[in-house]
Amino acid sequence: MRITTHASWAVCAMTLALAAAGCGGGGGGSGDSDAVLSASWGDPQNPLEPSNTNEVQGGKVLDMIFRGLKRYDPETGEAQDMLAEKIETSDSQNFTITVKDGWTFSNGEKVTAQSFVDAWNYGASLRNNQRNAYFFGYIEGYDQVHPEEGEQTADTLSGLKVTGERTFTVKLTQKFSTFPDTLGYNAFAPLPRAFFDDHDAWVKKPVGNGPYLVESYTRGSQMSLRTWDDYPGDDKAQNGGVDLKVYTDNNTAYTDLLAGNLDLVDDVPAAQLKNVRNDLGDRYLNTPAGIIQTLAFPSYDEAWNTEDAKKVRQGLSMAIDRAQITDTIFQKTRTPATDWTSPVLGEDGGFQDGLCGELCEFKPDEAKKLIEEGGGLPGGKVTITFNADTGSHREWVNAVCNSINNALDNERACTANPVGTFADFRNQITDRKMTGPFRAGWQMDYPLIQNFLQPLYYTNASSNDGKWSNKQFDDLVNRANQETDTAKAVDLFQQAEEVVRDNMAAIPLWYQNGSAGWSERLSSVKLNPFSVPVYNEIKVS
């Protein structure tokens, strides 16, 4: 068969990097296949529709209850066939996809080609207002089902055709050489007819085709997932289920772990990093992940969208002492960022160590000068907004503000604006209520340089929360996506990243490792390259 040959180019370097670092821990043991573990969690922003979830907490659940055409290897990140029996193309624009036989949803309904086509049409439709609609933007007919202005004039994507019970074709508007690698992202998951027949009931208790079932969910408290005994995949759960417990403070979660009231924490608080080795010994894991923390800006606010404001953004970047913050607060479990991607991609995959240059170096005198040249901070001060419930964000935001204040010799130049929960924080961002820089950490959806750039900085992209727009950047991304030559595609994406740098579209802060700590009940604990626990492999004694 003729299968796209580009599928491995972006993950080769990443595979080597992660293999060298190691992704797992906790030993082996047979475990109790019926035992349930408890893990820390945060309420997702939106209902768990695959095409409407683009944040980490909801993504964790989707990874447990769904399987798509591709799955990213939990150790290497490589895109591997899951429900895809084969994906064929001769031109990187027209694809024929064959779905494996024998797969069903947990309600017994068979997974067919129609299951994917219906789900993708739903996700793309403007009237459904899905956050991940943008991921279907390269499929022919997207401009009719999701026009930039006005009402949609079609209900389905003309580029999707069901040709058999297990086969369908995809026609893109242009060549997209890495399209098959994107199909492991949750937005492309299949949906059962129950989703469409009784949508309200499905949202309350989602039905998928993954190794776990949703048993119950009480917002603000807990989601209980249990093993699906008839799951047809070869990655069956090694435990009886997972209780995801909602915490609004990860310090509390860590305390519960030490007290024996929680089995797994996948976000060790910064304040505990100096103690975690003594507290947990070999029940602690810290591994490289495809995550970068940045500060984004509201380009929809005119004060931040001028040529002078670019100098202010550059100056703020140079006022941040990344090395000191990552050393003192994060105990060197973060690395100061020097580009806008992640080292896990490797150089061949597009990572450019040092691309940011002196704009990401701590130079307080130059920072102060640039900000003055740009007319000063809008309104005389800058306020950094962040969610206060997870991620130890309060500590590092305060440290960033202290660094900026010291650089500008003004103790009131920078202030912190905590938002109580991640969901509320995301809602404020979605509603365009930001008036200054805000936390914009990015966890890759799939291991391609494209994913660190296009969703975040392309005009009107799904995760372009600041609404930054630059035609030169867009044109370079379009050209890169059409390029079937690996080296040329990477080079074009890197040129696009240089546009991001020259405009300081967002301030890169640091590359983030994934961390986890667990109780003595657990073994075979690992984090995937996205820093998410591989729940189905965890064993409970």
Protein backbone atom coordinates (compact mmCIF):
# COMPACT_ATOMS: atom_id res chain seq x y z
CA MET A 1 0.00 0.00 0.00
CA ARG A 2 1.05 3.60 -0.53
CA ILE A 3 1.04 5.26 2.85
CA THR A 4 2.30 8.76 3.47
CA THR A 5 5.99 8.53 4.21
CA HIS A 6 6.27 11.84 6.08
CA ALA A 7 4.62 10.48 9.20
CA SER A 8 7.82 9.89 11.15
CA TRP A 9 9.90 12.94 10.30
CA ALA A 10 8.97 15.10 13.27
CA VAL A 11 9.10 12.40 15.90
CA CYS A 12 12.44 10.78 15.13
CA ALA A 13 14.49 13.26 17.13
CA MET A 14 11.83 13.37 19.79
CA THR A 15 11.87 9.59 20.14
CA LEU A 16 15.60 9.62 20.77
CA ALA A 17 15.40 12.49 23.24
CA LEU A 18 12.65 10.90 25.30
CA ALA A 19 14.21 7.46 25.20
CA ALA A 20 17.40 8.92 26.59
CA ALA A 21 15.57 10.73 29.38
CA GLY A 22 13.22 7.92 30.31
CA CYS A 23 9.47 8.29 30.73
CA GLY A 24 8.47 5.82 33.41
CA GLY A 25 8.91 4.73 36.98
CA GLY A 26 7.41 2.79 39.80
CA GLY A 27 8.50 -0.74 39.02
CA GLY A 28 6.32 -3.64 37.97
CA GLY A 29 4.21 -6.12 39.89
CA SER A 30 1.02 -7.84 38.86
CA GLY A 31 -1.40 -5.55 40.70
CA ASP A 32 -5.10 -5.96 41.33
CA SER A 33 -6.97 -5.53 38.06
CA ASP A 34 -10.15 -4.62 39.95
CA ALA A 35 -8.62 -2.01 42.26
CA VAL A 36 -9.42 1.67 41.69
CA LEU A 37 -6.86 4.45 42.08
CA SER A 38 -7.48 8.10 42.92
CA ALA A 39 -5.76 10.99 41.16
CA SER A 40 -5.77 14.79 41.35
CA TRP A 41 -7.66 16.68 38.65
CA GLY A 42 -9.34 19.95 37.77
CA ASP A 43 -12.77 20.55 36.25
CA PRO A 44 -12.58 20.93 32.45
CA GLN A 45 -13.67 24.19 30.87
CA ASN A 46 -16.29 22.66 28.58
CA PRO A 47 -18.39 19.49 28.30
CA LEU A 48 -16.29 16.56 27.13
CA GLU A 49 -17.08 16.76 23.44
CA PRO A 50 -13.87 15.82 21.60
CA SER A 51 -14.10 18.78 19.23
CA ASN A 52 -14.80 21.22 22.07
CA THR A 53 -11.96 20.29 24.44
CA ASN A 54 -8.61 21.99 23.96
CA GLU A 55 -7.28 22.12 27.51
CA VAL A 56 -5.36 19.64 29.65
CA GLN A 57 -7.92 18.58 32.25
CA GLY A 58 -10.62 17.66 29.76
CA GLY A 59 -7.99 16.13 27.50
CA LYS A 60 -6.96 13.70 30.23
CA VAL A 61 -10.45 12.22 30.29
CA LEU A 62 -10.80 12.09 26.51
CA ASP A 63 -7.53 10.15 26.37
CA MET A 64 -9.11 7.57 28.66
CA ILE A 65 -12.54 7.18 27.06
CA PHE A 66 -11.68 7.55 23.36
CA ARG A 67 -9.41 6.00 20.77
CA GLY A 68 -8.96 7.54 17.32
CA LEU A 69 -7.39 6.63 14.02
CA LYS A 70 -3.94 7.28 15.46
CA ARG A 71 -2.51 7.13 18.96
CA TYR A 72 0.67 8.80 20.14
CA ASP A 73 3.03 6.26 21.63
CA PRO A 74 3.10 6.82 25.42
CA GLU A 75 6.89 6.61 25.49
CA THR A 76 8.11 8.07 22.20
CA GLY A 77 5.22 10.27 21.06
CA GLU A 78 5.27 8.67 17.63
CA ALA A 79 1.93 8.69 15.79
CA GLN A 80 0.93 5.04 15.42
CA ASP A 81 -2.11 3.44 13.83
CA MET A 82 -4.90 2.71 16.31
CA LEU A 83 -8.28 2.40 14.59
CA ALA A 84 -6.65 3.16 11.24
CA GLU A 85 -5.99 -0.03 9.30
CA LYS A 86 -4.33 2.11 6.64
CA ILE A 87 -4.15 5.70 5.42
CA GLU A 88 -3.27 5.99 1.76
CA THR A 89 -2.37 8.95 -0.42
CA SER A 90 -0.49 9.60 -3.61
CA ASP A 91 -0.39 13.40 -3.41
CA SER A 92 -0.64 14.44 0.28
CA GLN A 93 -3.97 16.10 -0.51
CA ASN A 94 -6.38 13.23 -1.12
CA PHE A 95 -6.48 10.46 1.48
CA THR A 96 -8.29 7.13 1.67
CA ILE A 97 -8.77 5.90 5.23
CA THR A 98 -9.70 2.35 6.19
CA VAL A 99 -11.02 1.75 9.72
CA LYS A 100 -10.11 -1.48 11.49
CA ASP A 101 -12.84 -4.06 11.93
CA GLY A 102 -14.01 -5.27 15.34
CA TRP A 103 -14.18 -1.95 17.17
CA THR A 104 -17.31 -0.84 19.03
CA PHE A 105 -18.34 1.93 21.38
CA SER A 106 -19.01 0.96 24.98
CA ASN A 107 -22.76 0.96 24.28
CA GLY A 108 -22.26 -1.82 21.72
CA GLU A 109 -22.56 0.34 18.62
CA LYS A 110 -20.06 -0.50 15.91
CA VAL A 111 -17.35 2.02 15.04
CA THR A 112 -17.52 2.66 11.31
CA ALA A 113 -16.31 5.18 8.77
CA GLN A 114 -19.57 7.03 9.33
CA SER A 115 -18.68 7.40 13.03
CA PHE A 116 -15.68 9.50 12.05
CA VAL A 117 -17.33 11.47 9.26
CA ASP A 118 -20.33 12.40 11.42
CA ALA A 119 -18.03 13.48 14.26
CA TRP A 120 -15.84 15.61 12.01
CA ASN A 121 -18.83 17.27 10.36
CA TYR A 122 -20.23 18.07 13.79
CA GLY A 123 -16.91 19.50 14.95
CA ALA A 124 -16.51 21.70 11.89
CA SER A 125 -20.04 23.15 11.89
CA LEU A 126 -20.29 26.81 12.82
CA ARG A 127 -23.64 26.37 14.54
CA ASN A 128 -22.11 23.87 16.99
CA ASN A 129 -19.54 26.45 18.12
CA GLN A 130 -16.78 23.93 18.81
CA ARG A 131 -13.43 25.19 20.08
CA ASN A 132 -11.51 22.74 17.89
CA ALA A 133 -13.40 23.45 14.67
CA TYR A 134 -10.21 24.95 13.29
CA PHE A 135 -8.56 21.53 13.11
CA PHE A 136 -10.91 20.65 10.24
CA GLY A 137 -10.03 23.83 8.37
CA TYR A 138 -7.96 22.10 5.68
CA ILE A 139 -10.79 19.80 4.63
CA GLU A 140 -12.58 20.91 1.50
CA GLY A 141 -15.87 22.65 2.21
CA TYR A 142 -14.85 24.10 5.56
CA ASP A 143 -15.52 27.61 4.29
CA GLN A 144 -19.16 26.62 3.70
CA VAL A 145 -19.79 24.90 7.04
CA HIS A 146 -17.72 27.37 9.05
CA PRO A 147 -17.50 30.70 7.18
CA GLU A 148 -15.56 33.58 8.69
CA GLU A 149 -18.63 35.77 8.32
CA GLY A 150 -22.35 35.10 7.99
CA GLU A 151 -24.24 31.83 8.34
CA GLN A 152 -23.05 28.47 7.12
CA THR A 153 -24.34 27.40 3.73
CA ALA A 154 -23.68 23.66 4.08
CA ASP A 155 -24.18 21.11 6.83
CA THR A 156 -21.35 18.75 5.89
CA LEU A 157 -17.80 19.02 4.61
CA SER A 158 -17.69 18.34 0.89
CA GLY A 159 -14.21 16.86 1.31
CA LEU A 160 -15.50 13.94 3.41
CA LYS A 161 -17.06 10.96 1.63
CA VAL A 162 -18.07 7.60 3.11
CA THR A 163 -17.21 4.95 0.53
CA GLY A 164 -17.90 1.81 2.56
CA GLU A 165 -18.68 0.64 6.05
CA ARG A 166 -15.02 0.93 6.99
CA THR A 167 -13.66 3.35 4.37
CA PHE A 168 -13.91 7.07 3.76
CA THR A 169 -12.00 9.64 1.76
CA VAL A 170 -10.67 13.04 2.78
CA LYS A 171 -9.97 15.80 0.28
CA LEU A 172 -7.99 18.77 1.53
CA THR A 173 -7.92 22.24 0.02
CA GLN A 174 -4.16 21.99 -0.36
CA LYS A 175 -1.35 19.56 0.27
CA PHE A 176 -0.86 18.92 3.98
CA SER A 177 2.01 16.51 4.30
CA THR A 178 1.61 15.86 8.03
CA PHE A 179 -2.18 15.48 8.06
CA PRO A 180 -2.13 11.78 9.09
CA ASP A 181 0.02 12.60 12.13
CA THR A 182 -2.63 15.00 13.43
CA LEU A 183 -5.31 12.29 13.56
CA GLY A 184 -4.34 11.13 17.02
CA TYR A 185 -5.61 14.41 18.43
CA ASN A 186 -8.89 14.07 20.31
CA ALA A 187 -10.79 16.42 18.01
CA PHE A 188 -10.67 13.65 15.38
CA ALA A 189 -12.20 10.97 17.63
CA PRO A 190 -15.27 9.04 16.39
CA LEU A 191 -18.70 9.57 17.93
CA PRO A 192 -21.60 7.11 18.38
CA ARG A 193 -25.13 7.80 17.18
CA ALA A 194 -26.13 8.28 20.83
CA PHE A 195 -24.19 11.56 20.77
CA PHE A 196 -26.53 12.93 18.11
CA ASP A 197 -29.76 11.17 19.13
CA ASP A 198 -29.73 12.41 22.73
CA HIS A 199 -26.98 14.95 23.01
CA ASP A 200 -27.92 16.22 26.47
CA ALA A 201 -27.83 12.71 27.93
CA TRP A 202 -24.49 11.98 26.24
CA VAL A 203 -22.90 15.15 27.64
CA LYS A 204 -23.97 14.16 31.16
CA LYS A 205 -22.45 10.71 30.74
CA PRO A 206 -20.15 10.48 27.69
CA VAL A 207 -19.97 7.23 25.72
CA GLY A 208 -16.71 6.51 23.93
CA ASN A 209 -14.62 3.64 22.62
CA GLY A 210 -11.61 3.77 24.94
CA PRO A 211 -10.48 1.52 27.80
CA TYR A 212 -12.52 3.42 30.43
CA LEU A 213 -16.20 4.28 30.97
CA VAL A 214 -17.53 7.39 32.69
CA GLU A 215 -19.48 6.12 35.70
CA SER A 216 -20.38 9.48 37.26
CA TYR A 217 -19.33 13.12 37.43
CA THR A 218 -20.07 15.80 40.01
CA ARG A 219 -18.60 19.12 38.97
CA GLY A 220 -16.31 20.55 41.62
CA SER A 221 -15.94 17.17 43.28
CA GLN A 222 -15.06 14.05 41.28
CA MET A 223 -15.29 12.12 38.05
CA SER A 224 -15.35 8.35 38.43
CA LEU A 225 -14.14 6.20 35.54
CA ARG A 226 -14.24 2.42 35.47
CA THR A 227 -12.59 -0.15 33.26
CA TRP A 228 -14.56 -1.25 30.20
CA ASP A 229 -14.23 -5.02 30.31
CA ASP A 230 -15.10 -5.51 26.63
CA TYR A 231 -12.66 -2.93 25.31
CA PRO A 232 -11.30 -4.35 22.02
CA GLY A 233 -7.91 -2.63 21.98
CA ASP A 234 -4.54 -4.07 22.99
CA ASP A 235 -3.96 -1.30 25.55
CA LYS A 236 -6.48 -2.54 28.11
CA ALA A 237 -6.55 -0.98 31.58
CA GLN A 238 -4.41 -2.75 34.17
CA ASN A 239 -6.59 -1.45 37.01
CA GLY A 240 -10.28 -1.29 37.87
CA GLY A 241 -10.70 2.41 37.28
CA VAL A 242 -9.69 5.93 38.22
CA ASP A 243 -11.39 8.43 40.51
CA LEU A 244 -10.37 11.90 39.35
CA LYS A 245 -10.70 14.18 42.38
CA VAL A 246 -11.05 17.92 41.85
CA TYR A 247 -8.54 20.11 43.67
CA THR A 248 -8.39 23.90 43.52
CA ASP A 249 -4.97 23.89 45.20
CA ASN A 250 -2.29 21.42 44.22
CA ASN A 251 -0.59 21.86 47.61
CA THR A 252 -3.69 20.31 49.16
CA ALA A 253 -3.48 17.44 46.70
CA TYR A 254 0.15 16.85 47.62
CA THR A 255 -0.71 16.88 51.32
CA ASP A 256 -3.47 14.33 50.68
CA LEU A 257 -0.98 12.14 48.83
CA LEU A 258 1.41 12.14 51.79
CA ALA A 259 -1.47 11.45 54.17
CA GLY A 260 -2.60 8.42 52.18
CA ASN A 261 -5.83 10.03 50.98
CA LEU A 262 -4.77 10.22 47.32
CA ASP A 263 -2.84 7.86 45.07
CA LEU A 264 -1.51 10.06 42.30
CA VAL A 265 -0.54 13.72 41.82
CA ASP A 266 0.57 14.68 38.34
CA ASP A 267 1.41 18.28 39.19
CA VAL A 268 3.86 18.44 42.09
CA PRO A 269 3.63 21.99 43.51
CA ALA A 270 6.69 24.18 43.21
CA ALA A 271 6.81 24.72 46.95
CA GLN A 272 7.32 20.96 47.46
CA LEU A 273 10.00 20.35 44.83
CA LYS A 274 12.77 20.73 47.41
CA ASN A 275 11.13 18.07 49.59
CA VAL A 276 9.66 15.65 47.10
CA ARG A 277 12.65 13.30 46.86
CA ASN A 278 12.78 12.90 50.63
CA ASP A 279 9.00 12.57 50.85
CA LEU A 280 8.49 10.03 48.07
CA GLY A 281 11.85 8.57 47.13
CA ASP A 282 11.50 6.54 43.93
CA ARG A 283 7.75 7.26 43.84
CA TYR A 284 8.50 10.58 42.14
CA LEU A 285 8.99 11.17 38.44
CA ASN A 286 10.20 14.22 36.52
CA THR A 287 10.64 13.83 32.77
CA PRO A 288 10.91 16.04 29.66
CA ALA A 289 7.59 16.93 28.05
CA GLY A 290 6.29 18.86 25.07
CA ILE A 291 5.23 21.83 27.17
CA ILE A 292 6.19 25.49 27.08
CA GLN A 293 5.00 28.28 29.37
CA THR A 294 4.50 31.70 27.80
CA LEU A 295 2.87 35.03 28.46
CA ALA A 296 0.34 35.94 25.77
CA PHE A 297 -1.05 39.38 25.05
CA PRO A 298 -4.54 40.61 24.11
CA SER A 299 -3.93 41.87 20.59
CA TYR A 300 -7.64 42.72 20.47
CA ASP A 301 -6.78 45.51 22.94
CA GLU A 302 -5.41 48.40 20.88
CA ALA A 303 -2.99 49.34 23.63
CA TRP A 304 -1.11 46.08 23.03
CA ASN A 305 -1.41 46.03 19.24
CA THR A 306 0.82 48.87 18.03
CA GLU A 307 4.38 49.11 16.78
CA ASP A 308 5.36 50.79 20.04
CA ALA A 309 3.69 47.99 22.03
CA LYS A 310 6.04 45.53 20.32
CA LYS A 311 8.96 47.29 22.03
CA VAL A 312 7.11 47.07 25.34
CA ARG A 313 6.60 43.32 24.88
CA GLN A 314 10.27 42.87 24.01
CA GLY A 315 11.29 44.92 27.02
CA LEU A 316 9.10 42.90 29.36
CA SER A 317 10.72 39.72 28.03
CA MET A 318 14.19 41.09 28.81
CA ALA A 319 13.04 42.13 32.29
CA ILE A 320 12.35 38.51 33.33
CA ASP A 321 15.17 36.61 35.03
CA ARG A 322 14.25 33.14 33.77
CA ALA A 323 17.35 31.43 35.12
CA GLN A 324 16.79 32.62 38.67
CA ILE A 325 13.09 31.72 38.62
CA THR A 326 13.62 28.22 37.24
CA ASP A 327 16.44 27.61 39.74
CA THR A 328 14.80 28.93 42.89
CA ILE A 329 11.10 28.26 42.38
CA PHE A 330 11.19 25.19 40.17
CA GLN A 331 14.41 23.66 41.55
CA LYS A 332 15.77 23.32 38.00
CA THR A 333 12.81 21.20 36.88
CA ARG A 334 12.17 23.86 34.23
CA THR A 335 14.59 25.18 31.61
CA PRO A 336 14.62 28.82 30.44
CA ALA A 337 13.03 28.98 27.00
CA THR A 338 15.06 30.24 24.08
CA ASP A 339 12.48 29.59 21.36
CA TRP A 340 8.72 29.00 21.07
CA THR A 341 8.67 25.19 20.67
CA SER A 342 10.16 22.44 22.85
CA PRO A 343 13.51 20.63 23.03
CA VAL A 344 11.68 17.29 22.80
CA LEU A 345 11.28 17.93 19.06
CA GLY A 346 15.04 17.86 18.58
CA GLU A 347 16.88 19.96 16.03
CA ASP A 348 15.70 17.82 13.12
CA GLY A 349 12.12 18.31 14.28
CA GLY A 350 12.43 22.10 14.35
CA PHE A 351 13.69 23.05 17.82
CA GLN A 352 16.00 26.09 17.58
CA ASP A 353 18.00 26.59 20.75
CA GLY A 354 18.80 30.28 21.10
CA LEU A 355 16.39 31.56 18.45
CA CYS A 356 15.05 34.22 20.82
CA GLY A 357 18.55 35.58 21.36
CA GLU A 358 19.05 38.50 23.73
CA LEU A 359 15.30 39.17 23.77
CA CYS A 360 15.01 36.21 26.14
CA GLU A 361 18.06 37.12 28.20
CA PHE A 362 17.80 39.03 31.48
CA LYS A 363 19.00 42.52 30.62
CA PRO A 364 17.26 44.97 32.93
CA ASP A 365 18.88 48.12 31.55
CA GLU A 366 17.94 47.30 27.96
CA ALA A 367 14.48 46.22 29.14
CA LYS A 368 13.83 49.55 30.79
CA LYS A 369 15.08 51.43 27.73
CA LEU A 370 12.89 49.45 25.30
CA ILE A 371 9.77 49.94 27.41
CA GLU A 372 10.43 53.69 27.61
CA GLU A 373 10.96 53.82 23.82
CA GLY A 374 7.61 52.08 23.41
CA GLY A 375 5.83 54.76 25.41
CA GLY A 376 5.84 52.91 28.71
CA LEU A 377 3.52 50.27 30.09
CA PRO A 378 -0.09 50.73 28.89
CA GLY A 379 -1.93 52.54 31.66
CA GLY A 380 1.31 52.82 33.61
CA LYS A 381 1.40 49.24 34.85
CA VAL A 382 1.09 45.64 33.70
CA THR A 383 -1.14 43.00 35.29
CA ILE A 384 -0.50 39.28 34.70
CA THR A 385 -3.63 37.11 34.87
CA PHE A 386 -3.40 33.40 35.74
CA ASN A 387 -5.40 30.55 37.24
CA ALA A 388 -4.56 29.98 40.86
CA ASP A 389 -5.81 26.41 41.33
CA THR A 390 -3.10 24.35 39.62
CA GLY A 391 0.44 24.54 38.33
CA SER A 392 2.10 26.59 41.09
CA HIS A 393 1.37 29.62 38.94
CA ARG A 394 1.02 32.04 41.85
CA GLU A 395 4.65 31.57 42.86
CA TRP A 396 6.18 32.10 39.46
CA VAL A 397 3.87 34.97 38.48
CA ASN A 398 4.87 36.78 41.66
CA ALA A 399 8.51 36.09 40.83
CA VAL A 400 8.08 37.39 37.27
CA CYS A 401 6.45 40.55 38.60
CA ASN A 402 9.24 41.05 41.14
CA SER A 403 11.79 40.69 38.33
CA ILE A 404 9.96 43.24 36.17
CA ASN A 405 9.55 45.64 39.09
CA ASN A 406 13.23 45.43 39.94
CA ALA A 407 14.25 45.96 36.33
CA LEU A 408 12.03 49.05 36.03
CA ASP A 409 12.84 50.37 39.52
CA ASN A 410 9.13 50.51 40.24
CA GLU A 411 7.59 48.18 42.81
CA ARG A 412 4.11 48.81 41.37
CA ALA A 413 4.93 48.29 37.70
CA CYS A 414 3.71 44.67 37.68
CA THR A 415 0.92 43.06 39.66
CA ALA A 416 -0.62 39.58 39.70
CA ASN A 417 -4.28 38.87 39.01
CA PRO A 418 -5.24 35.36 40.18
CA VAL A 419 -8.43 33.72 38.90
CA GLY A 420 -9.82 31.08 41.24
CA THR A 421 -10.26 28.15 38.86
CA PHE A 422 -8.87 27.03 35.55
CA ALA A 423 -12.36 26.88 34.04
CA ASP A 424 -13.13 30.48 35.03
CA PHE A 425 -9.72 31.59 33.78
CA ARG A 426 -10.33 29.96 30.41
CA ASN A 427 -13.81 31.48 30.18
CA GLN A 428 -12.40 34.96 30.72
CA ILE A 429 -9.85 34.33 27.97
CA THR A 430 -12.50 32.99 25.60
CA ASP A 431 -14.67 36.04 26.30
CA ARG A 432 -11.71 38.32 25.48
CA LYS A 433 -11.65 39.96 28.89
CA MET A 434 -7.86 40.13 29.18
CA THR A 435 -6.40 43.64 29.43
CA GLY A 436 -2.77 42.64 29.85
CA PRO A 437 -0.48 39.60 29.62
CA PHE A 438 -1.85 36.26 30.74
CA ARG A 439 -0.55 32.76 31.31
CA ALA A 440 -0.61 30.75 28.11
CA GLY A 441 1.14 27.46 28.70
CA TRP A 442 0.98 25.08 25.75
CA GLN A 443 0.97 21.30 25.89
CA MET A 444 1.49 19.89 22.42
CA ASP A 445 -1.41 18.08 20.78
CA TYR A 446 0.93 16.10 18.56
CA PRO A 447 4.72 16.11 18.21
CA LEU A 448 5.18 18.46 15.26
CA ILE A 449 6.72 21.93 15.12
CA GLN A 450 3.55 22.95 13.31
CA ASN A 451 1.56 22.31 16.49
CA PHE A 452 3.67 24.74 18.53
CA LEU A 453 3.08 27.51 16.00
CA GLN A 454 -0.09 27.28 13.93
CA PRO A 455 -2.75 26.73 16.64
CA LEU A 456 -1.29 29.56 18.72
CA TYR A 457 -0.29 32.27 16.26
CA TYR A 458 -2.10 31.68 12.96
CA THR A 459 -4.89 34.20 12.30
CA ASN A 460 -8.09 33.06 14.08
CA ALA A 461 -6.55 29.72 15.03
CA SER A 462 -8.30 27.67 17.70
CA SER A 463 -5.86 28.47 20.51
CA ASN A 464 -4.80 31.92 19.36
CA ASP A 465 -6.25 33.37 22.54
CA GLY A 466 -4.69 36.80 22.09
CA LYS A 467 -5.95 37.09 18.49
CA TRP A 468 -2.49 38.00 17.19
CA SER A 469 -2.38 38.14 13.39
CA ASN A 470 0.44 38.46 10.88
CA LYS A 471 0.12 37.78 7.15
CA GLN A 472 3.79 36.88 6.70
CA PHE A 473 3.52 34.26 9.43
CA ASP A 474 0.32 32.83 7.92
CA ASP A 475 1.86 32.60 4.45
CA LEU A 476 4.95 30.77 5.72
CA VAL A 477 2.81 28.27 7.64
CA ASN A 478 0.67 27.63 4.56
CA ARG A 479 3.77 26.97 2.48
CA ALA A 480 5.25 24.70 5.15
CA ASN A 481 2.08 22.61 5.34
CA GLN A 482 2.16 22.05 1.59
CA GLU A 483 5.80 21.00 1.55
CA THR A 484 6.37 17.25 1.34
CA ASP A 485 10.16 17.52 1.77
CA THR A 486 10.97 17.19 5.46
CA ALA A 487 13.89 19.60 5.66
CA LYS A 488 12.13 22.25 3.59
CA ALA A 489 8.98 22.03 5.69
CA VAL A 490 10.94 22.44 8.92
CA ASP A 491 12.87 25.38 7.48
CA LEU A 492 9.65 27.19 6.52
CA PHE A 493 8.15 26.64 9.96
CA GLN A 494 11.34 27.99 11.49
CA GLN A 495 11.07 31.07 9.29
CA ALA A 496 7.51 31.50 10.58
CA GLU A 497 8.82 31.22 14.14
CA GLU A 498 11.26 34.02 13.42
CA VAL A 499 8.27 36.24 12.63
CA VAL A 500 6.84 35.35 16.04
CA ARG A 501 10.18 36.30 17.59
CA ASP A 502 10.57 39.58 15.71
CA ASN A 503 7.12 40.66 16.86
CA MET A 504 7.31 39.07 20.35
CA ALA A 505 3.81 37.72 19.73
CA ALA A 506 4.15 35.97 23.10
CA ILE A 507 6.93 35.90 25.67
CA PRO A 508 8.51 32.44 26.03
CA LEU A 509 9.29 31.69 29.67
CA TRP A 510 10.49 28.11 30.17
CA TYR A 511 10.22 24.56 28.94
CA GLN A 512 8.37 22.40 31.40
CA ASN A 513 8.96 18.86 32.56
CA GLY A 514 6.14 16.58 33.54
CA SER A 515 6.10 15.54 37.19
CA ALA A 516 4.20 12.99 39.22
CA GLY A 517 4.20 11.51 42.69
CA TRP A 518 2.28 8.45 43.82
CA SER A 519 1.38 6.27 46.78
CA GLU A 520 2.82 2.91 47.73
CA ARG A 521 -0.31 1.26 46.29
CA LEU A 522 0.74 2.07 42.73
CA SER A 523 3.35 0.75 40.36
CA SER A 524 4.15 1.05 36.63
CA VAL A 525 3.51 4.80 36.74
CA LYS A 526 4.70 6.79 33.75
CA LEU A 527 4.00 10.09 32.04
CA ASN A 528 3.60 10.29 28.29
CA PRO A 529 5.43 12.98 26.26
CA PHE A 530 2.44 15.26 26.87
CA SER A 531 3.04 15.00 30.66
CA VAL A 532 -0.22 13.08 31.18
CA PRO A 533 -0.21 9.89 33.28
CA VAL A 534 -0.65 6.71 31.26
CA TYR A 535 -3.57 5.70 33.45
CA ASN A 536 -4.32 2.41 31.70
CA GLU A 537 -0.85 1.03 32.50
CA ILE A 538 -0.91 1.87 36.21
CA LYS A 539 -1.15 -1.14 38.52
CA VAL A 540 -2.76 -1.02 41.96
CA SER A 541 -1.88 -3.37 44.80
